[in-house]
C-alpha atoms as a PDB file:
ATOM      1  CA  MET A   1     -12.051  23.442 -34.574  1.00  0.00           C
ATOM      2  CA  LEU A   2      -9.149  25.256 -33.345  1.00  0.00           C
ATOM      3  CA  LEU A   3     -10.753  25.401 -29.827  1.00  0.00           C
ATOM      4  CA  PHE A   4     -11.158  21.455 -30.084  1.00  0.00           C
ATOM      5  CA  GLY A   5      -7.539  21.157 -31.164  1.00  0.00           C
ATOM      6  CA  PHE A   6      -6.370  22.954 -28.280  1.00  0.00           C
ATOM      7  CA  ILE A   7      -8.179  21.236 -25.738  1.00  0.00           C
ATOM      8  CA  SER A   8      -6.819  17.822 -27.162  1.00  0.00           C
ATOM      9  CA  ILE A   9      -3.413  19.267 -26.885  1.00  0.00           C
ATOM     10  CA  LYS A  10      -4.069  20.305 -23.582  1.00  0.00           C
ATOM     11  CA  ILE A  11      -5.160  16.476 -22.357  1.00  0.00           C
ATOM     12  CA  VAL A  12      -2.380  15.078 -24.018  1.00  0.00           C
ATOM     13  CA  ILE A  13       0.121  17.557 -22.050  1.00  0.00           C
ATOM     14  CA  ILE A  14      -1.646  17.082 -18.629  1.00  0.00           C
ATOM     15  CA  ASN A  15      -1.364  13.039 -19.143  1.00  0.00           C
ATOM     16  CA  TYR A  16       2.298  13.406 -19.884  1.00  0.00           C
ATOM     17  CA  PHE A  17       3.014  15.283 -16.906  1.00  0.00           C
ATOM     18  CA  ARG A  18       0.620  12.874 -14.735  1.00  0.00           C
ATOM     19  CA  CYS A  19       2.251   9.797 -16.408  1.00  0.00           C
ATOM     20  CA  MET A  20       3.807   7.468 -14.033  1.00  0.00           C
ATOM     21  CA  LEU A  21       4.620   4.312 -16.011  1.00  0.00           C
ATOM     22  CA  SER A  22       5.227   4.624 -19.795  1.00  0.00           C
ATOM     23  CA  ALA A  23       6.379   1.469 -21.794  1.00  0.00           C
ATOM     24  CA  LYS A  24       7.085   1.758 -25.595  1.00  0.00           C
ATOM     25  CA  ASN A  25       7.628  -1.357 -27.931  1.00  0.00           C
ATOM     26  CA  ILE A  26       7.868  -3.791 -25.648  1.00  0.00           C
ATOM     27  CA  LYS A  27       9.054  -7.166 -27.207  1.00  0.00           C
ATOM     28  CA  LYS A  28       9.764 -10.498 -25.713  1.00  0.00           C
ATOM     29  CA  GLN A  29      10.297 -13.840 -27.429  1.00  0.00           C
ATOM     30  CA  TYR A  30      11.004 -17.359 -26.102  1.00  0.00           C
ATOM     31  CA  GLY A  31      12.806 -19.329 -28.760  1.00  0.00           C
ATOM     32  CA  ARG A  32      10.630 -19.306 -31.681  1.00  0.00           C
ATOM     33  CA  LEU A  33       7.667 -17.799 -29.766  1.00  0.00           C
ATOM     34  CA  SER A  34       6.933 -14.247 -29.846  1.00  0.00           C
ATOM     35  CA  VAL A  35       5.200 -13.553 -26.775  1.00  0.00           C
ATOM     36  CA  LEU A  36       4.889  -9.711 -26.945  1.00  0.00           C
ATOM     37  CA  LYS A  37       5.098  -8.111 -30.524  1.00  0.00           C
ATOM     38  CA  GLY A  38       5.624  -4.409 -29.810  1.00  0.00           C
ATOM     39  CA  VAL A  39       3.508  -3.281 -26.601  1.00  0.00           C
ATOM     40  CA  ASP A  40       2.859   0.589 -25.779  1.00  0.00           C
ATOM     41  CA  VAL A  41       1.705   0.955 -22.065  1.00  0.00           C
ATOM     42  CA  MET A  42       0.948   4.216 -20.377  1.00  0.00           C
ATOM     43  CA  VAL A  43      -0.342   4.327 -16.678  1.00  0.00           C
ATOM     44  CA  SER A  44      -1.063   7.971 -14.892  1.00  0.00           C
ATOM     45  CA  LYS A  45      -0.657   8.462 -11.059  1.00  0.00           C
ATOM     46  CA  GLY A  46      -3.755   7.516  -9.132  1.00  0.00           C
ATOM     47  CA  GLU A  47      -5.261   5.297 -11.895  1.00  0.00           C
ATOM     48  CA  ILE A  48      -6.324   1.693 -11.716  1.00  0.00           C
ATOM     49  CA  VAL A  49      -5.657   0.331 -14.982  1.00  0.00           C
ATOM     50  CA  SER A  50      -6.777  -3.545 -15.702  1.00  0.00           C
ATOM     51  CA  ILE A  51      -5.377  -5.782 -18.549  1.00  0.00           C
ATOM     52  CA  VAL A  52      -7.488  -8.420 -19.885  1.00  0.00           C
ATOM     53  CA  GLY A  53      -7.551 -10.979 -22.710  1.00  0.00           C
ATOM     54  CA  SER A  54      -7.421 -14.556 -23.117  1.00  0.00           C
ATOM     55  CA  SER A  55      -4.763 -16.961 -21.843  1.00  0.00           C
ATOM     56  CA  GLY A  56      -1.864 -17.070 -23.822  1.00  0.00           C
ATOM     57  CA  ALA A  57      -2.443 -13.285 -24.876  1.00  0.00           C
ATOM     58  CA  GLY A  58       0.855 -12.029 -23.125  1.00  0.00           C
ATOM     59  CA  LYS A  59      -0.503 -10.397 -19.987  1.00  0.00           C
ATOM     60  CA  SER A  60       1.376 -11.960 -17.504  1.00  0.00           C
ATOM     61  CA  THR A  61       4.567 -11.733 -19.197  1.00  0.00           C
ATOM     62  CA  LEU A  62       4.007  -7.929 -19.709  1.00  0.00           C
ATOM     63  CA  LEU A  63       3.236  -7.357 -16.033  1.00  0.00           C
ATOM     64  CA  HIS A  64       6.105  -9.168 -15.011  1.00  0.00           C
ATOM     65  CA  ILE A  65       8.577  -6.959 -17.487  1.00  0.00           C
ATOM     66  CA  LEU A  66       6.941  -3.970 -16.379  1.00  0.00           C
ATOM     67  CA  GLY A  67       7.557  -4.854 -12.672  1.00  0.00           C
ATOM     68  CA  THR A  68      11.165  -5.983 -13.600  1.00  0.00           C
ATOM     69  CA  LEU A  69      10.997  -9.668 -12.778  1.00  0.00           C
ATOM     70  CA  ASP A  70      11.803 -10.465 -16.375  1.00  0.00           C
ATOM     71  CA  LYS A  71      13.676  -8.602 -19.059  1.00  0.00           C
ATOM     72  CA  PRO A  72      12.369  -7.355 -22.720  1.00  0.00           C
ATOM     73  CA  ASP A  73      14.297  -8.356 -25.731  1.00  0.00           C
ATOM     74  CA  SER A  74      13.988  -4.713 -26.811  1.00  0.00           C
ATOM     75  CA  GLY A  75      11.637  -1.502 -25.949  1.00  0.00           C
ATOM     76  CA  GLU A  76      12.089   0.927 -22.929  1.00  0.00           C
ATOM     77  CA  ILE A  77      10.332   1.297 -19.669  1.00  0.00           C
ATOM     78  CA  ILE A  78      10.141   4.545 -17.827  1.00  0.00           C
ATOM     79  CA  LEU A  79       8.886   4.569 -14.337  1.00  0.00           C
ATOM     80  CA  ASN A  80       8.847   7.983 -12.173  1.00  0.00           C
ATOM     81  CA  ASN A  81      11.083   9.327 -15.074  1.00  0.00           C
ATOM     82  CA  GLN A  82      13.605   6.407 -14.559  1.00  0.00           C
ATOM     83  CA  PRO A  83      14.707   4.118 -17.669  1.00  0.00           C
ATOM     84  CA  ILE A  84      14.313   0.935 -15.599  1.00  0.00           C
ATOM     85  CA  HIS A  85      15.100  -1.091 -18.666  1.00  0.00           C
ATOM     86  CA  MET A  86      18.489   0.297 -18.224  1.00  0.00           C
ATOM     87  CA  LEU A  87      19.022  -0.762 -14.494  1.00  0.00           C
ATOM     88  CA  LYS A  88      20.842  -4.034 -13.467  1.00  0.00           C
ATOM     89  CA  GLY A  89      21.855  -5.961 -10.416  1.00  0.00           C
ATOM     90  CA  ASN A  90      21.557  -4.354  -6.971  1.00  0.00           C
ATOM     91  CA  LYS A  91      20.455  -1.023  -8.236  1.00  0.00           C
ATOM     92  CA  LEU A  92      17.563  -2.463 -10.276  1.00  0.00           C
ATOM     93  CA  SER A  93      16.773  -4.779  -6.895  1.00  0.00           C
ATOM     94  CA  ALA A  94      16.834  -1.527  -4.812  1.00  0.00           C
ATOM     95  CA  PHE A  95      14.426   0.318  -7.341  1.00  0.00           C
ATOM     96  CA  ARG A  96      12.011  -2.434  -7.613  1.00  0.00           C
ATOM     97  CA  ASN A  97      11.815  -2.636  -3.614  1.00  0.00           C
ATOM     98  CA  LYS A  98      11.047   1.182  -3.099  1.00  0.00           C
ATOM     99  CA  HIS A  99       8.770   1.879  -6.303  1.00  0.00           C
ATOM    100  CA  ILE A 100       6.906  -1.386  -6.952  1.00  0.00           C
ATOM    101  CA  GLY A 101       4.525  -3.571  -4.903  1.00  0.00           C
ATOM    102  CA  PHE A 102       3.342  -6.794  -5.981  1.00  0.00           C
ATOM    103  CA  VAL A 103       0.203  -8.930  -5.407  1.00  0.00           C
ATOM    104  CA  PHE A 104       0.120 -12.311  -7.023  1.00  0.00           C
ATOM    105  CA  GLN A 105      -2.734 -14.893  -7.526  1.00  0.00           C
ATOM    106  CA  PHE A 106      -0.897 -16.986  -4.752  1.00  0.00           C
ATOM    107  CA  HIS A 107      -0.111 -15.117  -1.717  1.00  0.00           C
ATOM    108  CA  HIS A 108       3.460 -15.953  -1.403  1.00  0.00           C
ATOM    109  CA  LEU A 109       3.706 -15.393   2.224  1.00  0.00           C
ATOM    110  CA  LEU A 110       6.245 -16.978   4.152  1.00  0.00           C
ATOM    111  CA  PRO A 111       4.636 -19.645   6.191  1.00  0.00           C
ATOM    112  CA  GLU A 112       7.253 -19.260   9.405  1.00  0.00           C
ATOM    113  CA  PHE A 113       6.599 -15.586   9.699  1.00  0.00           C
ATOM    114  CA  THR A 114       3.486 -13.750  11.260  1.00  0.00           C
ATOM    115  CA  ALA A 115       1.194 -11.616   9.273  1.00  0.00           C
ATOM    116  CA  LEU A 116       3.162  -8.409  10.586  1.00  0.00           C
ATOM    117  CA  GLU A 117       6.596 -10.068   9.995  1.00  0.00           C
ATOM    118  CA  ASN A 118       5.286 -10.909   6.441  1.00  0.00           C
ATOM    119  CA  VAL A 119       4.347  -7.408   5.923  1.00  0.00           C
ATOM    120  CA  CYS A 120       7.640  -5.693   7.539  1.00  0.00           C
ATOM    121  CA  ILE A 121      10.074  -7.841   5.368  1.00  0.00           C
ATOM    122  CA  PRO A 122      10.273  -5.623   2.209  1.00  0.00           C
ATOM    123  CA  GLY A 123      10.671  -2.223   4.532  1.00  0.00           C
ATOM    124  CA  TRP A 124      13.292  -4.150   6.672  1.00  0.00           C
ATOM    125  CA  ILE A 125      15.227  -5.097   3.284  1.00  0.00           C
ATOM    126  CA  ALA A 126      14.842  -1.497   2.126  1.00  0.00           C
ATOM    127  CA  GLY A 127      16.968  -0.787   5.445  1.00  0.00           C
ATOM    128  CA  PHE A 128      13.981   1.460   6.827  1.00  0.00           C
ATOM    129  CA  LYS A 129      14.136   1.499  10.891  1.00  0.00           C
ATOM    130  CA  LYS A 130      12.774  -1.559  12.407  1.00  0.00           C
ATOM    131  CA  ARG A 131      10.122   0.167  14.808  1.00  0.00           C
ATOM    132  CA  ASP A 132       9.101   2.491  12.145  1.00  0.00           C
ATOM    133  CA  VAL A 133       8.515  -0.306   9.653  1.00  0.00           C
ATOM    134  CA  ILE A 134       6.540  -2.253  12.466  1.00  0.00           C
ATOM    135  CA  GLU A 135       4.414   0.959  13.237  1.00  0.00           C
ATOM    136  CA  LYS A 136       3.393   1.151   9.549  1.00  0.00           C
ATOM    137  CA  ALA A 137       2.933  -2.334   9.010  1.00  0.00           C
ATOM    138  CA  THR A 138       0.633  -2.583  12.097  1.00  0.00           C
ATOM    139  CA  ASP A 139      -1.233   0.631  10.853  1.00  0.00           C
ATOM    140  CA  LEU A 140      -1.713  -0.750   7.306  1.00  0.00           C
ATOM    141  CA  LEU A 141      -3.058  -4.101   8.561  1.00  0.00           C
ATOM    142  CA  LYS A 142      -5.551  -2.275  10.938  1.00  0.00           C
ATOM    143  CA  THR A 143      -6.828  -0.268   8.114  1.00  0.00           C
ATOM    144  CA  LEU A 144      -7.363  -3.419   5.891  1.00  0.00           C
ATOM    145  CA  GLY A 145      -9.418  -5.073   8.695  1.00  0.00           C
ATOM    146  CA  LEU A 146      -6.787  -7.556  10.205  1.00  0.00           C
ATOM    147  CA  GLU A 147      -6.173  -5.687  13.677  1.00  0.00           C
ATOM    148  CA  GLU A 148      -7.012  -9.140  15.251  1.00  0.00           C
ATOM    149  CA  ARG A 149      -4.722 -11.094  13.019  1.00  0.00           C
ATOM    150  CA  LEU A 150      -1.314  -9.439  13.348  1.00  0.00           C
ATOM    151  CA  GLN A 151       0.486 -12.562  15.400  1.00  0.00           C
ATOM    152  CA  ASN A 152      -1.160 -15.126  13.106  1.00  0.00           C
ATOM    153  CA  LYS A 153       0.854 -17.069  10.626  1.00  0.00           C
ATOM    154  CA  PRO A 154      -0.540 -17.707   7.042  1.00  0.00           C
ATOM    155  CA  GLN A 155      -1.941 -21.285   7.815  1.00  0.00           C
ATOM    156  CA  GLN A 156      -4.051 -19.673  10.404  1.00  0.00           C
ATOM    157  CA  LEU A 157      -5.760 -17.264   7.886  1.00  0.00           C
ATOM    158  CA  SER A 158      -8.341 -17.470   5.404  1.00  0.00           C
ATOM    159  CA  GLY A 159      -7.697 -17.119   1.873  1.00  0.00           C
ATOM    160  CA  GLY A 160      -9.073 -13.622   1.925  1.00  0.00           C
ATOM    161  CA  GLU A 161      -7.078 -12.663   4.824  1.00  0.00           C
ATOM    162  CA  GLN A 162      -3.835 -13.805   3.276  1.00  0.00           C
ATOM    163  CA  GLN A 163      -4.478 -11.630   0.103  1.00  0.00           C
ATOM    164  CA  ARG A 164      -4.920  -8.583   2.192  1.00  0.00           C
ATOM    165  CA  VAL A 165      -1.817  -9.276   4.060  1.00  0.00           C
ATOM    166  CA  ALA A 166      -0.164  -9.472   0.753  1.00  0.00           C
ATOM    167  CA  VAL A 167      -1.613  -6.469  -0.067  1.00  0.00           C
ATOM    168  CA  ALA A 168      -0.496  -4.635   2.911  1.00  0.00           C
ATOM    169  CA  ARG A 169       2.954  -5.987   2.118  1.00  0.00           C
ATOM    170  CA  ALA A 170       2.921  -4.493  -1.271  1.00  0.00           C
ATOM    171  CA  LEU A 171       2.079  -0.885   0.264  1.00  0.00           C
ATOM    172  CA  ILE A 172       4.729  -1.085   2.983  1.00  0.00           C
ATOM    173  CA  ASN A 173       7.466   0.840   1.293  1.00  0.00           C
ATOM    174  CA  SER A 174       4.677   3.200  -0.211  1.00  0.00           C
ATOM    175  CA  PRO A 175       5.645   2.063  -3.732  1.00  0.00           C
ATOM    176  CA  SER A 176       4.734   4.466  -6.808  1.00  0.00           C
ATOM    177  CA  ILE A 177       2.747   1.529  -8.429  1.00  0.00           C
ATOM    178  CA  VAL A 178       0.998  -1.981  -7.141  1.00  0.00           C
ATOM    179  CA  MET A 179       1.172  -4.541 -10.038  1.00  0.00           C
ATOM    180  CA  ALA A 180      -1.339  -7.277  -9.365  1.00  0.00           C
ATOM    181  CA  ASP A 181      -1.421 -10.522 -11.337  1.00  0.00           C
ATOM    182  CA  GLU A 182      -4.877 -12.417 -11.143  1.00  0.00           C
ATOM    183  CA  PRO A 183      -5.031 -11.128  -7.509  1.00  0.00           C
ATOM    184  CA  THR A 184      -8.519 -12.798  -7.190  1.00  0.00           C
ATOM    185  CA  GLY A 185      -8.006 -15.961  -9.117  1.00  0.00           C
ATOM    186  CA  ASN A 186      -7.650 -17.635  -6.041  1.00  0.00           C
ATOM    187  CA  LEU A 187     -10.494 -16.185  -4.022  1.00  0.00           C
ATOM    188  CA  ASP A 188     -14.103 -17.126  -3.980  1.00  0.00           C
ATOM    189  CA  SER A 189     -16.553 -14.557  -5.210  1.00  0.00           C
ATOM    190  CA  ALA A 190     -17.361 -12.605  -2.021  1.00  0.00           C
ATOM    191  CA  ASN A 191     -13.556 -12.248  -1.264  1.00  0.00           C
ATOM    192  CA  ALA A 192     -12.872 -11.101  -4.633  1.00  0.00           C
ATOM    193  CA  ARG A 193     -15.733  -8.340  -4.556  1.00  0.00           C
ATOM    194  CA  GLU A 194     -13.974  -7.337  -1.256  1.00  0.00           C
ATOM    195  CA  LEU A 195     -10.558  -7.389  -2.893  1.00  0.00           C
ATOM    196  CA  HIS A 196     -12.177  -5.181  -5.897  1.00  0.00           C
ATOM    197  CA  GLN A 197     -13.382  -2.692  -3.223  1.00  0.00           C
ATOM    198  CA  LEU A 198     -10.231  -2.545  -1.470  1.00  0.00           C
ATOM    199  CA  PHE A 199      -8.358  -1.396  -4.659  1.00  0.00           C
ATOM    200  CA  ILE A 200     -10.749   1.355  -5.086  1.00  0.00           C
ATOM    201  CA  ASP A 201     -10.619   2.443  -1.455  1.00  0.00           C
ATOM    202  CA  LEU A 202      -6.695   2.652  -1.611  1.00  0.00           C
ATOM    203  CA  CYS A 203      -6.728   4.497  -4.897  1.00  0.00           C
ATOM    204  CA  LYS A 204      -9.260   7.212  -3.361  1.00  0.00           C
ATOM    205  CA  ARG A 205      -7.556   7.114   0.257  1.00  0.00           C
ATOM    206  CA  PHE A 206      -3.701   7.413  -0.764  1.00  0.00           C
ATOM    207  CA  ASN A 207      -3.834   8.274  -4.392  1.00  0.00           C
ATOM    208  CA  GLN A 208      -2.296   4.778  -5.000  1.00  0.00           C
ATOM    209  CA  THR A 209      -1.695   3.570  -8.560  1.00  0.00           C
ATOM    210  CA  PHE A 210      -2.317   0.037  -9.425  1.00  0.00           C
ATOM    211  CA  LEU A 211      -1.875  -2.093 -12.867  1.00  0.00           C
ATOM    212  CA  ILE A 212      -3.725  -5.278 -12.544  1.00  0.00           C
ATOM    213  CA  VAL A 213      -3.671  -8.617 -14.857  1.00  0.00           C
ATOM    214  CA  THR A 214      -7.318 -10.196 -14.528  1.00  0.00           C
ATOM    215  CA  HIS A 215      -9.745 -12.337 -16.234  1.00  0.00           C
ATOM    216  CA  ASN A 216     -12.230 -10.998 -13.656  1.00  0.00           C
ATOM    217  CA  GLU A 217     -14.694  -9.023 -15.705  1.00  0.00           C
ATOM    218  CA  GLU A 218     -16.139  -7.386 -12.439  1.00  0.00           C
ATOM    219  CA  LEU A 219     -12.734  -6.041 -11.480  1.00  0.00           C
ATOM    220  CA  ALA A 220     -12.017  -5.033 -14.601  1.00  0.00           C
ATOM    221  CA  LYS A 221     -15.150  -2.984 -15.127  1.00  0.00           C
ATOM    222  CA  MET A 222     -14.412  -1.158 -11.868  1.00  0.00           C
ATOM    223  CA  SER A 223     -10.925   0.291 -13.092  1.00  0.00           C
ATOM    224  CA  ASN A 224     -10.574   3.764 -14.432  1.00  0.00           C
ATOM    225  CA  ARG A 225      -9.305   2.059 -17.915  1.00  0.00           C
ATOM    226  CA  VAL A 226      -9.168  -1.312 -19.523  1.00  0.00           C
ATOM    227  CA  LEU A 227      -6.685  -2.560 -21.833  1.00  0.00           C
ATOM    228  CA  MET A 228      -7.146  -5.446 -24.072  1.00  0.00           C
ATOM    229  CA  MET A 229      -4.564  -7.849 -25.453  1.00  0.00           C
ATOM    230  CA  LYS A 230      -4.585 -10.270 -28.178  1.00  0.00           C
ATOM    231  CA  ASP A 231      -1.911 -12.249 -29.475  1.00  0.00           C
ATOM    232  CA  GLY A 232       1.147 -10.282 -28.004  1.00  0.00           C
ATOM    233  CA  LEU A 233       0.024  -7.029 -28.830  1.00  0.00           C
ATOM    234  CA  MET A 234      -2.886  -4.448 -27.345  1.00  0.00           C
ATOM    235  CA  CYS A 235      -6.200  -4.340 -29.389  1.00  0.00           C
END
């Protein structure tokens, strides 16, 4: 019994020091509607974690709050030992740009810019040298199989190609975590499977951490862990 107790304590300690993202007692209410009722989440470095649940369970709201795109009514969020629920204004924007990458269902690529330029934009905003950002963006797009599409604008790309550009854009600043909200929701089954495998490959190659909201059971099953939400709470 003592041995098992020691092993359990050791696992808890290891998980604590590997923990990249920790959220405790997150609550969010819109008017009289309680969307999040006290949610706890922990994500470790190099994990792919999926959040699943029916529509209206609070998944996307939670992801937006964890990604600092929205604010909780109460609770605390710590990312890389930084209490991000305390940050405001320019400090919050700078932290988000550096540490969090986003992939959405709709790619949100800027139509007037090329694939390469779309990927570069977060790096330029962060103040990195233009030449260095272009070089890294080019390498990322080549890694994602888009070496022949660097100068194409979004309307010249397929849906799957646009989503890969969005993934490259999310990775350009080497974020601590990539947060994806229904990333395969606008893709056909073949492109969805390719994106699933891409996340796994990126996790293995770069030890990249992903937190994914999805209705796609296949994607969820390929994750390291699956968190189930129902009625604003983790089940």
